[in-house]
Amino acid sequence: MKRKYLSYYFFIILSFPSCRKSIKEEYKKGLDIAIAGNYEEAIALFSEIVTKDSSIYEVYQSRGFCYFSLQAYKKAQKDFENAYSISKNPQLQFNLGTVHVNQGNYASALTHLNKFEQDNPDDVNLWLQKALCLSQLKNYSDALPYYEKAQKFFPDSLALSKKIGLCNFQIHNYTGAISALKLYIDTLKDDKGSFEMIAFSHHELGQYQEAKLYFDQMTELGFELEDKTQTLYIKNLLNLGQQMYIMESYVPSLQTFTEVLTLDPLNNEAYFYRGLVQLHYNKGFEACEDFNLAFTNGHLDAISIMKKNCKEYFN
């Protein structure tokens, strides 16, 4: 994709006014060779022209494109800098920006892209490159508007949906993250990270049942949950069970607390709340066992309820 952007600017200008006819013909020959993809041969010809006349910025620009295509980014950068010093053509600022992007110099890339933006604020390729740089620099709030503008040009781009979802997630706009990432995983169901972000977003919004659906989908799809994700899954189940208990949905809450304990046998909060559910159903023996396990595993509130309902433990 980046190479496409460069070639667009590379082929905009194919002439230079004050040049000997033979050099102009050599340059056009070099362009044909470059267009055919024979970059090393084109570089050799452009280099010969430079030795004859080093004042023609198009030759540096074209040779820079060839170096870029061969991933010789340092050489491409030098040629684009030479071309810009001669011509001050703002389009070369875009080329310099993409060279720095490919070298991982995102702050430097932004400097050039910002200069290009002054004359070309509505360029979609600029938006994509700036968004990439800003997101790589973890400036997600500034990257997001550029991705959103680009999406209007590429409404079917799943890659942009994911990037928009990631930016929203990073700035804690969980509703926006869910909306964008659901578009992505509805088509591509093998992206574990997107499932995790959606599940986490639902959890943070207090939508524990919705979060559970995505955690369960990860399991069904065969994703191995890392420790951090597994911990969040257990926390989400516990919150879901507590939510159900408050809403007096006792049977589902009992099942959910039991599911927590299957995953985390020492979870004192799950024992405590399951004990409360058992107590609601007058299952004193089961309730007291759960309260005792809750207390044994560090739930200090369990002792007071045990003194009231489980007196046999104190005889």
C-alpha atoms as a PDB file:
ATOM      1  CA  MET A   1       0.000   0.000   0.000  1.00  0.00           C
ATOM      2  CA  LYS A   2       2.807   2.408   0.878  1.00  0.00           C
ATOM      3  CA  ARG A   3       4.543   1.726  -2.408  1.00  0.00           C
ATOM      4  CA  LYS A   4       1.346   2.605  -4.232  1.00  0.00           C
ATOM      5  CA  TYR A   5       1.247   5.978  -2.527  1.00  0.00           C
ATOM      6  CA  LEU A   6       4.792   6.771  -3.523  1.00  0.00           C
ATOM      7  CA  SER A   7       4.317   5.732  -7.120  1.00  0.00           C
ATOM      8  CA  TYR A   8       1.344   8.083  -7.338  1.00  0.00           C
ATOM      9  CA  TYR A   9       3.514  11.073  -6.522  1.00  0.00           C
ATOM     10  CA  PHE A  10       6.473   9.714  -8.413  1.00  0.00           C
ATOM     11  CA  PHE A  11       4.653   9.680 -11.736  1.00  0.00           C
ATOM     12  CA  ILE A  12       2.918  13.069 -11.354  1.00  0.00           C
ATOM     13  CA  ILE A  13       5.773  15.004 -12.958  1.00  0.00           C
ATOM     14  CA  LEU A  14       7.604  13.522 -15.891  1.00  0.00           C
ATOM     15  CA  SER A  15       9.234  16.574 -17.504  1.00  0.00           C
ATOM     16  CA  PHE A  16      11.793  19.214 -16.697  1.00  0.00           C
ATOM     17  CA  PRO A  17      11.967  22.370 -18.804  1.00  0.00           C
ATOM     18  CA  SER A  18      15.650  23.310 -19.019  1.00  0.00           C
ATOM     19  CA  CYS A  19      17.425  20.159 -19.995  1.00  0.00           C
ATOM     20  CA  ARG A  20      19.448  18.943 -22.940  1.00  0.00           C
ATOM     21  CA  LYS A  21      17.460  16.763 -25.299  1.00  0.00           C
ATOM     22  CA  SER A  22      19.738  13.748 -24.868  1.00  0.00           C
ATOM     23  CA  ILE A  23      19.432  13.842 -21.077  1.00  0.00           C
ATOM     24  CA  LYS A  24      15.685  14.225 -21.360  1.00  0.00           C
ATOM     25  CA  GLU A  25      15.541  11.156 -23.580  1.00  0.00           C
ATOM     26  CA  GLU A  26      17.722   9.207 -21.134  1.00  0.00           C
ATOM     27  CA  TYR A  27      15.446  10.243 -18.307  1.00  0.00           C
ATOM     28  CA  LYS A  28      12.328   9.075 -20.153  1.00  0.00           C
ATOM     29  CA  LYS A  29      14.087   5.785 -20.866  1.00  0.00           C
ATOM     30  CA  GLY A  30      14.864   5.452 -17.168  1.00  0.00           C
ATOM     31  CA  LEU A  31      11.223   6.081 -16.343  1.00  0.00           C
ATOM     32  CA  ASP A  32      10.115   3.319 -18.693  1.00  0.00           C
ATOM     33  CA  ILE A  33      12.584   0.942 -17.091  1.00  0.00           C
ATOM     34  CA  ALA A  34      11.388   1.926 -13.609  1.00  0.00           C
ATOM     35  CA  ILE A  35       7.734   1.499 -14.570  1.00  0.00           C
ATOM     36  CA  ALA A  36       8.604  -1.998 -15.805  1.00  0.00           C
ATOM     37  CA  GLY A  37       9.961  -2.737 -12.325  1.00  0.00           C
ATOM     38  CA  ASN A  38      13.635  -2.990 -13.294  1.00  0.00           C
ATOM     39  CA  TYR A  39      14.690  -0.693 -10.485  1.00  0.00           C
ATOM     40  CA  GLU A  40      18.417  -1.475 -10.347  1.00  0.00           C
ATOM     41  CA  GLU A  41      18.801  -0.849 -14.073  1.00  0.00           C
ATOM     42  CA  ALA A  42      16.848   2.389 -13.729  1.00  0.00           C
ATOM     43  CA  ILE A  43      19.033   3.483 -10.804  1.00  0.00           C
ATOM     44  CA  ALA A  44      22.163   2.949 -12.877  1.00  0.00           C
ATOM     45  CA  LEU A  45      20.771   5.106 -15.685  1.00  0.00           C
ATOM     46  CA  PHE A  46      19.552   7.858 -13.322  1.00  0.00           C
ATOM     47  CA  SER A  47      22.978   7.881 -11.655  1.00  0.00           C
ATOM     48  CA  GLU A  48      24.645   8.459 -15.023  1.00  0.00           C
ATOM     49  CA  ILE A  49      22.337  11.422 -15.596  1.00  0.00           C
ATOM     50  CA  VAL A  50      23.201  12.881 -12.185  1.00  0.00           C
ATOM     51  CA  THR A  51      26.906  12.822 -13.046  1.00  0.00           C
ATOM     52  CA  LYS A  52      26.109  14.842 -16.157  1.00  0.00           C
ATOM     53  CA  ASP A  53      23.709  17.281 -14.524  1.00  0.00           C
ATOM     54  CA  SER A  54      23.026  17.291 -10.788  1.00  0.00           C
ATOM     55  CA  SER A  55      20.450  20.081 -10.942  1.00  0.00           C
ATOM     56  CA  ILE A  56      17.481  18.040 -12.210  1.00  0.00           C
ATOM     57  CA  TYR A  57      15.289  17.266  -9.234  1.00  0.00           C
ATOM     58  CA  GLU A  58      13.071  14.793 -11.137  1.00  0.00           C
ATOM     59  CA  VAL A  59      16.030  12.457 -11.540  1.00  0.00           C
ATOM     60  CA  TYR A  60      16.660  12.415  -7.791  1.00  0.00           C
ATOM     61  CA  GLN A  61      12.938  11.952  -7.185  1.00  0.00           C
ATOM     62  CA  SER A  62      12.731   9.031  -9.618  1.00  0.00           C
ATOM     63  CA  ARG A  63      15.896   7.378  -8.358  1.00  0.00           C
ATOM     64  CA  GLY A  64      14.576   7.821  -4.834  1.00  0.00           C
ATOM     65  CA  PHE A  65      11.432   5.960  -5.817  1.00  0.00           C
ATOM     66  CA  CYS A  66      13.516   3.100  -7.177  1.00  0.00           C
ATOM     67  CA  TYR A  67      15.550   2.921  -3.970  1.00  0.00           C
ATOM     68  CA  PHE A  68      12.309   2.996  -1.975  1.00  0.00           C
ATOM     69  CA  SER A  69      10.930   0.109  -4.026  1.00  0.00           C
ATOM     70  CA  LEU A  70      14.084  -1.874  -3.240  1.00  0.00           C
ATOM     71  CA  GLN A  71      13.689  -0.974   0.470  1.00  0.00           C
ATOM     72  CA  ALA A  72      16.941   0.989   0.417  1.00  0.00           C
ATOM     73  CA  TYR A  73      15.310   3.658   2.543  1.00  0.00           C
ATOM     74  CA  LYS A  74      18.401   5.630   3.543  1.00  0.00           C
ATOM     75  CA  LYS A  75      19.364   6.128  -0.097  1.00  0.00           C
ATOM     76  CA  ALA A  76      15.778   6.988  -0.989  1.00  0.00           C
ATOM     77  CA  GLN A  77      15.685   9.547   1.794  1.00  0.00           C
ATOM     78  CA  LYS A  78      18.868  11.224   0.560  1.00  0.00           C
ATOM     79  CA  ASP A  79      17.529  11.426  -2.998  1.00  0.00           C
ATOM     80  CA  PHE A  80      14.181  12.864  -1.902  1.00  0.00           C
ATOM     81  CA  GLU A  81      16.004  15.419   0.250  1.00  0.00           C
ATOM     82  CA  ASN A  82      18.141  16.434  -2.729  1.00  0.00           C
ATOM     83  CA  ALA A  83      15.065  16.699  -4.922  1.00  0.00           C
ATOM     84  CA  TYR A  84      13.278  18.866  -2.373  1.00  0.00           C
ATOM     85  CA  SER A  85      16.275  21.156  -1.842  1.00  0.00           C
ATOM     86  CA  ILE A  86      16.237  21.889  -5.578  1.00  0.00           C
ATOM     87  CA  SER A  87      12.493  22.109  -6.269  1.00  0.00           C
ATOM     88  CA  LYS A  88      10.725  22.760  -2.915  1.00  0.00           C
ATOM     89  CA  ASN A  89       7.969  20.567  -4.364  1.00  0.00           C
ATOM     90  CA  PRO A  90       5.635  19.878  -1.377  1.00  0.00           C
ATOM     91  CA  GLN A  91       4.779  16.436  -2.740  1.00  0.00           C
ATOM     92  CA  LEU A  92       8.297  15.365  -1.867  1.00  0.00           C
ATOM     93  CA  GLN A  93       7.441  15.971   1.790  1.00  0.00           C
ATOM     94  CA  PHE A  94       4.995  13.078   1.485  1.00  0.00           C
ATOM     95  CA  ASN A  95       7.719  10.879  -0.005  1.00  0.00           C
ATOM     96  CA  LEU A  96      10.062  11.813   2.844  1.00  0.00           C
ATOM     97  CA  GLY A  97       7.315  11.065   5.330  1.00  0.00           C
ATOM     98  CA  THR A  98       6.759   7.564   3.954  1.00  0.00           C
ATOM     99  CA  VAL A  99      10.500   6.888   3.939  1.00  0.00           C
ATOM    100  CA  HIS A 100      10.668   7.728   7.634  1.00  0.00           C
ATOM    101  CA  VAL A 101       7.571   5.586   8.287  1.00  0.00           C
ATOM    102  CA  ASN A 102       9.315   2.605   6.739  1.00  0.00           C
ATOM    103  CA  GLN A 103      12.341   3.225   8.943  1.00  0.00           C
ATOM    104  CA  GLY A 104      10.160   3.419  12.052  1.00  0.00           C
ATOM    105  CA  ASN A 105      10.923   7.111  12.588  1.00  0.00           C
ATOM    106  CA  TYR A 106       7.317   8.122  13.185  1.00  0.00           C
ATOM    107  CA  ALA A 107       7.983  11.497  14.812  1.00  0.00           C
ATOM    108  CA  SER A 108      10.227  12.531  11.909  1.00  0.00           C
ATOM    109  CA  ALA A 109       7.656  11.214   9.449  1.00  0.00           C
ATOM    110  CA  LEU A 110       4.984  13.408  11.043  1.00  0.00           C
ATOM    111  CA  THR A 111       7.169  16.492  10.575  1.00  0.00           C
ATOM    112  CA  HIS A 112       7.237  15.918   6.819  1.00  0.00           C
ATOM    113  CA  LEU A 113       3.614  14.796   6.557  1.00  0.00           C
ATOM    114  CA  ASN A 114       2.470  17.907   8.430  1.00  0.00           C
ATOM    115  CA  LYS A 115       4.271  20.068   5.873  1.00  0.00           C
ATOM    116  CA  PHE A 116       2.625  18.158   3.047  1.00  0.00           C
ATOM    117  CA  GLU A 117      -0.754  18.553   4.746  1.00  0.00           C
ATOM    118  CA  GLN A 118      -0.509  22.350   4.587  1.00  0.00           C
ATOM    119  CA  ASP A 119      -1.012  22.181   0.804  1.00  0.00           C
ATOM    120  CA  ASN A 120      -2.918  18.886   0.628  1.00  0.00           C
ATOM    121  CA  PRO A 121      -5.283  18.651   3.618  1.00  0.00           C
ATOM    122  CA  ASP A 122      -7.788  16.444   1.785  1.00  0.00           C
ATOM    123  CA  ASP A 123      -5.382  13.763   0.601  1.00  0.00           C
ATOM    124  CA  VAL A 124      -6.602  10.329   1.742  1.00  0.00           C
ATOM    125  CA  ASN A 125      -3.111   8.804   1.525  1.00  0.00           C
ATOM    126  CA  LEU A 126      -1.881  11.522   3.871  1.00  0.00           C
ATOM    127  CA  TRP A 127      -4.657  10.665   6.341  1.00  0.00           C
ATOM    128  CA  LEU A 128      -3.646   7.016   6.367  1.00  0.00           C
ATOM    129  CA  GLN A 129       0.035   7.762   6.870  1.00  0.00           C
ATOM    130  CA  LYS A 130      -0.593  10.332   9.614  1.00  0.00           C
ATOM    131  CA  ALA A 131      -2.996   8.004  11.387  1.00  0.00           C
ATOM    132  CA  LEU A 132      -0.385   5.243  11.287  1.00  0.00           C
ATOM    133  CA  CYS A 133       2.309   7.522  12.736  1.00  0.00           C
ATOM    134  CA  LEU A 134       0.056   8.913  15.456  1.00  0.00           C
ATOM    135  CA  SER A 135      -1.141   5.481  16.517  1.00  0.00           C
ATOM    136  CA  GLN A 136       2.434   4.146  16.569  1.00  0.00           C
ATOM    137  CA  LEU A 137       3.276   7.069  18.865  1.00  0.00           C
ATOM    138  CA  LYS A 138       0.242   6.078  21.014  1.00  0.00           C
ATOM    139  CA  ASN A 139      -1.527   9.333  20.223  1.00  0.00           C
ATOM    140  CA  TYR A 140      -4.763   7.485  19.552  1.00  0.00           C
ATOM    141  CA  SER A 141      -7.098  10.429  20.066  1.00  0.00           C
ATOM    142  CA  ASP A 142      -5.430  12.331  17.198  1.00  0.00           C
ATOM    143  CA  ALA A 143      -5.083   9.253  14.994  1.00  0.00           C
ATOM    144  CA  LEU A 144      -8.784   8.389  15.206  1.00  0.00           C
ATOM    145  CA  PRO A 145     -10.175  11.325  13.135  1.00  0.00           C
ATOM    146  CA  TYR A 146      -7.751  10.536  10.299  1.00  0.00           C
ATOM    147  CA  TYR A 147      -8.790   6.879  10.246  1.00  0.00           C
ATOM    148  CA  GLU A 148     -12.452   7.884  10.305  1.00  0.00           C
ATOM    149  CA  LYS A 149     -11.990  10.270   7.371  1.00  0.00           C
ATOM    150  CA  ALA A 150     -10.159   7.576   5.419  1.00  0.00           C
ATOM    151  CA  GLN A 151     -12.949   5.088   6.104  1.00  0.00           C
ATOM    152  CA  LYS A 152     -15.368   7.316   4.190  1.00  0.00           C
ATOM    153  CA  PHE A 153     -13.218   6.654   1.105  1.00  0.00           C
ATOM    154  CA  PHE A 154     -12.824   2.962   1.884  1.00  0.00           C
ATOM    155  CA  PRO A 155     -16.098   1.999   3.621  1.00  0.00           C
ATOM    156  CA  ASP A 156     -15.517  -1.726   3.069  1.00  0.00           C
ATOM    157  CA  SER A 157     -12.034  -1.766   4.585  1.00  0.00           C
ATOM    158  CA  LEU A 158     -11.917  -4.262   7.452  1.00  0.00           C
ATOM    159  CA  ALA A 159      -8.407  -3.115   8.315  1.00  0.00           C
ATOM    160  CA  LEU A 160      -9.696   0.400   8.946  1.00  0.00           C
ATOM    161  CA  SER A 161     -12.544  -0.946  11.073  1.00  0.00           C
ATOM    162  CA  LYS A 162     -10.007  -2.687  13.274  1.00  0.00           C
ATOM    163  CA  LYS A 163      -7.777   0.384  13.541  1.00  0.00           C
ATOM    164  CA  ILE A 164     -10.763   2.569  14.441  1.00  0.00           C
ATOM    165  CA  GLY A 165     -11.819   0.016  17.027  1.00  0.00           C
ATOM    166  CA  LEU A 166      -8.322  -0.096  18.510  1.00  0.00           C
ATOM    167  CA  CYS A 167      -8.102   3.701  18.762  1.00  0.00           C
ATOM    168  CA  ASN A 168     -11.498   3.895  20.460  1.00  0.00           C
ATOM    169  CA  PHE A 169     -10.475   1.124  22.845  1.00  0.00           C
ATOM    170  CA  GLN A 170      -7.239   2.867  23.769  1.00  0.00           C
ATOM    171  CA  ILE A 171      -9.037   6.120  24.588  1.00  0.00           C
ATOM    172  CA  HIS A 172     -11.656   4.191  26.616  1.00  0.00           C
ATOM    173  CA  ASN A 173     -14.502   4.868  24.200  1.00  0.00           C
ATOM    174  CA  TYR A 174     -15.744   1.320  24.627  1.00  0.00           C
ATOM    175  CA  THR A 175     -19.028   1.787  22.786  1.00  0.00           C
ATOM    176  CA  GLY A 176     -17.131   2.994  19.714  1.00  0.00           C
ATOM    177  CA  ALA A 177     -14.652   0.140  20.053  1.00  0.00           C
ATOM    178  CA  ILE A 178     -17.417  -2.465  20.123  1.00  0.00           C
ATOM    179  CA  SER A 179     -19.177  -0.960  17.108  1.00  0.00           C
ATOM    180  CA  ALA A 180     -16.040  -0.938  14.941  1.00  0.00           C
ATOM    181  CA  LEU A 181     -14.589  -4.269  16.046  1.00  0.00           C
ATOM    182  CA  LYS A 182     -17.843  -6.157  15.605  1.00  0.00           C
ATOM    183  CA  LEU A 183     -17.762  -5.193  11.921  1.00  0.00           C
ATOM    184  CA  TYR A 184     -14.286  -6.682  11.774  1.00  0.00           C
ATOM    185  CA  ILE A 185     -14.863 -10.008  13.527  1.00  0.00           C
ATOM    186  CA  ASP A 186     -18.184 -10.597  11.794  1.00  0.00           C
ATOM    187  CA  THR A 187     -16.038 -11.317   8.735  1.00  0.00           C
ATOM    188  CA  LEU A 188     -12.701 -12.394  10.216  1.00  0.00           C
ATOM    189  CA  LYS A 189     -13.263 -14.659  13.193  1.00  0.00           C
ATOM    190  CA  ASP A 190      -9.628 -15.591  13.800  1.00  0.00           C
ATOM    191  CA  ASP A 191      -8.512 -12.371  15.492  1.00  0.00           C
ATOM    192  CA  LYS A 192      -8.143 -13.155  19.173  1.00  0.00           C
ATOM    193  CA  GLY A 193      -7.134  -9.610  20.094  1.00  0.00           C
ATOM    194  CA  SER A 194     -10.339  -8.142  18.689  1.00  0.00           C
ATOM    195  CA  PHE A 195     -12.461 -10.626  20.628  1.00  0.00           C
ATOM    196  CA  GLU A 196     -10.566  -9.692  23.786  1.00  0.00           C
ATOM    197  CA  MET A 197     -11.096  -5.969  23.220  1.00  0.00           C
ATOM    198  CA  ILE A 198     -14.825  -6.439  22.628  1.00  0.00           C
ATOM    199  CA  ALA A 199     -15.201  -8.638  25.712  1.00  0.00           C
ATOM    200  CA  PHE A 200     -13.230  -6.176  27.844  1.00  0.00           C
ATOM    201  CA  SER A 201     -15.259  -3.236  26.490  1.00  0.00           C
ATOM    202  CA  HIS A 202     -18.564  -4.891  27.379  1.00  0.00           C
ATOM    203  CA  HIS A 203     -17.154  -5.695  30.817  1.00  0.00           C
ATOM    204  CA  GLU A 204     -16.092  -2.090  31.404  1.00  0.00           C
ATOM    205  CA  LEU A 205     -19.567  -0.924  30.389  1.00  0.00           C
ATOM    206  CA  GLY A 206     -21.123  -3.264  32.951  1.00  0.00           C
ATOM    207  CA  GLN A 207     -22.557  -5.447  30.187  1.00  0.00           C
ATOM    208  CA  TYR A 208     -21.400  -8.673  31.776  1.00  0.00           C
ATOM    209  CA  GLN A 209     -23.698 -11.041  29.889  1.00  0.00           C
ATOM    210  CA  GLU A 210     -22.564  -9.603  26.535  1.00  0.00           C
ATOM    211  CA  ALA A 211     -18.928  -9.879  27.644  1.00  0.00           C
ATOM    212  CA  LYS A 212     -19.475 -13.530  28.590  1.00  0.00           C
ATOM    213  CA  LEU A 213     -20.784 -14.277  25.099  1.00  0.00           C
ATOM    214  CA  TYR A 214     -17.498 -13.110  23.570  1.00  0.00           C
ATOM    215  CA  PHE A 215     -15.367 -14.924  26.148  1.00  0.00           C
ATOM    216  CA  ASP A 216     -17.342 -18.083  25.393  1.00  0.00           C
ATOM    217  CA  GLN A 217     -16.870 -17.564  21.647  1.00  0.00           C
ATOM    218  CA  MET A 218     -13.113 -17.396  22.169  1.00  0.00           C
ATOM    219  CA  THR A 219     -13.237 -20.766  23.911  1.00  0.00           C
ATOM    220  CA  GLU A 220     -15.451 -22.244  21.187  1.00  0.00           C
ATOM    221  CA  LEU A 221     -13.050 -20.998  18.502  1.00  0.00           C
ATOM    222  CA  GLY A 222     -10.160 -22.705  20.261  1.00  0.00           C
ATOM    223  CA  PHE A 223      -8.329 -19.591  21.438  1.00  0.00           C
ATOM    224  CA  GLU A 224      -6.049 -20.189  24.392  1.00  0.00           C
ATOM    225  CA  LEU A 225      -6.776 -17.538  27.007  1.00  0.00           C
ATOM    226  CA  GLU A 226      -3.696 -15.922  28.517  1.00  0.00           C
ATOM    227  CA  ASP A 227      -3.553 -15.463  32.281  1.00  0.00           C
ATOM    228  CA  LYS A 228      -4.644 -11.817  32.101  1.00  0.00           C
ATOM    229  CA  THR A 229      -7.626 -12.669  29.907  1.00  0.00           C
ATOM    230  CA  GLN A 230      -8.552 -15.657  32.066  1.00  0.00           C
ATOM    231  CA  THR A 231      -8.488 -13.428  35.163  1.00  0.00           C
ATOM    232  CA  LEU A 232     -10.796 -10.942  33.465  1.00  0.00           C
ATOM    233  CA  TYR A 233     -13.105 -13.765  32.372  1.00  0.00           C
ATOM    234  CA  ILE A 234     -13.415 -14.945  35.983  1.00  0.00           C
ATOM    235  CA  LYS A 235     -13.996 -11.401  37.225  1.00  0.00           C
ATOM    236  CA  ASN A 236     -16.677 -10.888  34.577  1.00  0.00           C
ATOM    237  CA  LEU A 237     -18.446 -14.120  35.601  1.00  0.00           C
ATOM    238  CA  LEU A 238     -18.341 -13.062  39.243  1.00  0.00           C
ATOM    239  CA  ASN A 239     -19.822  -9.649  38.416  1.00  0.00           C
ATOM    240  CA  LEU A 240     -22.465 -11.308  36.246  1.00  0.00           C
ATOM    241  CA  GLY A 241     -23.411 -13.654  39.060  1.00  0.00           C
ATOM    242  CA  GLN A 242     -23.661 -10.771  41.537  1.00  0.00           C
ATOM    243  CA  GLN A 243     -25.782  -8.820  39.052  1.00  0.00           C
ATOM    244  CA  MET A 244     -28.106 -11.803  38.682  1.00  0.00           C
ATOM    245  CA  TYR A 245     -28.317 -12.222  42.448  1.00  0.00           C
ATOM    246  CA  ILE A 246     -29.297  -8.571  42.940  1.00  0.00           C
ATOM    247  CA  MET A 247     -31.973  -8.997  40.257  1.00  0.00           C
ATOM    248  CA  GLU A 248     -33.189 -12.114  42.141  1.00  0.00           C
ATOM    249  CA  SER A 249     -32.313 -14.430  39.249  1.00  0.00           C
ATOM    250  CA  TYR A 250     -31.143 -17.039  41.720  1.00  0.00           C
ATOM    251  CA  VAL A 251     -30.831 -20.152  39.569  1.00  0.00           C
ATOM    252  CA  PRO A 252     -28.697 -18.479  36.854  1.00  0.00           C
ATOM    253  CA  SER A 253     -26.599 -16.803  39.562  1.00  0.00           C
ATOM    254  CA  LEU A 254     -26.010 -20.165  41.262  1.00  0.00           C
ATOM    255  CA  GLN A 255     -24.859 -21.658  37.984  1.00  0.00           C
ATOM    256  CA  THR A 256     -22.582 -18.674  37.309  1.00  0.00           C
ATOM    257  CA  PHE A 257     -20.928 -18.781  40.753  1.00  0.00           C
ATOM    258  CA  THR A 258     -20.341 -22.502  40.275  1.00  0.00           C
ATOM    259  CA  GLU A 259     -18.735 -21.745  36.898  1.00  0.00           C
ATOM    260  CA  VAL A 260     -16.432 -19.245  38.620  1.00  0.00           C
ATOM    261  CA  LEU A 261     -15.386 -21.874  41.144  1.00  0.00           C
ATOM    262  CA  THR A 262     -14.704 -24.391  38.391  1.00  0.00           C
ATOM    263  CA  LEU A 263     -12.185 -21.937  36.947  1.00  0.00           C
ATOM    264  CA  ASP A 264     -10.959 -20.544  40.285  1.00  0.00           C
ATOM    265  CA  PRO A 265     -11.513 -23.003  43.167  1.00  0.00           C
ATOM    266  CA  LEU A 266     -10.200 -20.511  45.772  1.00  0.00           C
ATOM    267  CA  ASN A 267     -12.483 -17.610  44.841  1.00  0.00           C
ATOM    268  CA  ASN A 268     -13.876 -16.575  48.232  1.00  0.00           C
ATOM    269  CA  GLU A 269     -16.357 -14.089  46.742  1.00  0.00           C
ATOM    270  CA  ALA A 270     -17.973 -16.807  44.615  1.00  0.00           C
ATOM    271  CA  TYR A 271     -18.266 -19.113  47.664  1.00  0.00           C
ATOM    272  CA  PHE A 272     -19.814 -16.296  49.694  1.00  0.00           C
ATOM    273  CA  TYR A 273     -22.442 -15.386  47.109  1.00  0.00           C
ATOM    274  CA  ARG A 274     -23.218 -18.996  46.283  1.00  0.00           C
ATOM    275  CA  GLY A 275     -23.766 -19.477  49.995  1.00  0.00           C
ATOM    276  CA  LEU A 276     -26.264 -16.619  49.943  1.00  0.00           C
ATOM    277  CA  VAL A 277     -28.135 -18.268  47.078  1.00  0.00           C
ATOM    278  CA  GLN A 278     -28.145 -21.617  48.902  1.00  0.00           C
ATOM    279  CA  LEU A 279     -29.467 -19.847  51.986  1.00  0.00           C
ATOM    280  CA  HIS A 280     -32.272 -18.335  49.907  1.00  0.00           C
ATOM    281  CA  TYR A 281     -33.336 -21.864  48.957  1.00  0.00           C
ATOM    282  CA  ASN A 282     -33.098 -22.996  52.601  1.00  0.00           C
ATOM    283  CA  LYS A 283     -30.182 -25.300  51.819  1.00  0.00           C
ATOM    284  CA  GLY A 284     -28.484 -24.625  55.112  1.00  0.00           C
ATOM    285  CA  PHE A 285     -25.875 -27.394  54.924  1.00  0.00           C
ATOM    286  CA  GLU A 286     -24.697 -26.371  51.430  1.00  0.00           C
ATOM    287  CA  ALA A 287     -24.821 -22.689  52.373  1.00  0.00           C
ATOM    288  CA  CYS A 288     -22.706 -23.193  55.480  1.00  0.00           C
ATOM    289  CA  GLU A 289     -20.137 -25.208  53.552  1.00  0.00           C
ATOM    290  CA  ASP A 290     -19.816 -22.347  51.066  1.00  0.00           C
ATOM    291  CA  PHE A 291     -19.604 -19.711  53.809  1.00  0.00           C
ATOM    292  CA  ASN A 292     -16.924 -21.755  55.556  1.00  0.00           C
ATOM    293  CA  LEU A 293     -14.886 -22.048  52.338  1.00  0.00           C
ATOM    294  CA  ALA A 294     -15.351 -18.335  51.757  1.00  0.00           C
ATOM    295  CA  PHE A 295     -14.016 -17.564  55.238  1.00  0.00           C
ATOM    296  CA  THR A 296     -11.189 -20.100  54.921  1.00  0.00           C
ATOM    297  CA  ASN A 297     -10.076 -18.373  51.722  1.00  0.00           C
ATOM    298  CA  GLY A 298     -10.131 -14.904  53.244  1.00  0.00           C
ATOM    299  CA  HIS A 299     -13.686 -13.522  53.036  1.00  0.00           C
ATOM    300  CA  LEU A 300     -14.001 -11.813  56.434  1.00  0.00           C
ATOM    301  CA  ASP A 301     -17.724 -11.037  56.087  1.00  0.00           C
ATOM    302  CA  ALA A 302     -18.518 -14.745  56.018  1.00  0.00           C
ATOM    303  CA  ILE A 303     -17.911 -15.209  59.759  1.00  0.00           C
ATOM    304  CA  SER A 304     -20.778 -12.961  60.839  1.00  0.00           C
ATOM    305  CA  ILE A 305     -23.327 -14.701  58.640  1.00  0.00           C
ATOM    306  CA  MET A 306     -22.015 -18.075  59.796  1.00  0.00           C
ATOM    307  CA  LYS A 307     -22.531 -17.140  63.452  1.00  0.00           C
ATOM    308  CA  LYS A 308     -26.166 -16.475  62.634  1.00  0.00           C
ATOM    309  CA  ASN A 309     -26.885 -19.412  60.310  1.00  0.00           C
ATOM    310  CA  CYS A 310     -24.182 -22.032  60.911  1.00  0.00           C
ATOM    311  CA  LYS A 311     -24.013 -22.406  64.692  1.00  0.00           C
ATOM    312  CA  GLU A 312     -22.865 -26.008  64.450  1.00  0.00           C
ATOM    313  CA  TYR A 313     -19.479 -24.676  63.244  1.00  0.00           C
ATOM    314  CA  PHE A 314     -18.983 -22.971  66.615  1.00  0.00           C
ATOM    315  CA  ASN A 315     -20.020 -25.768  69.025  1.00  0.00           C
END
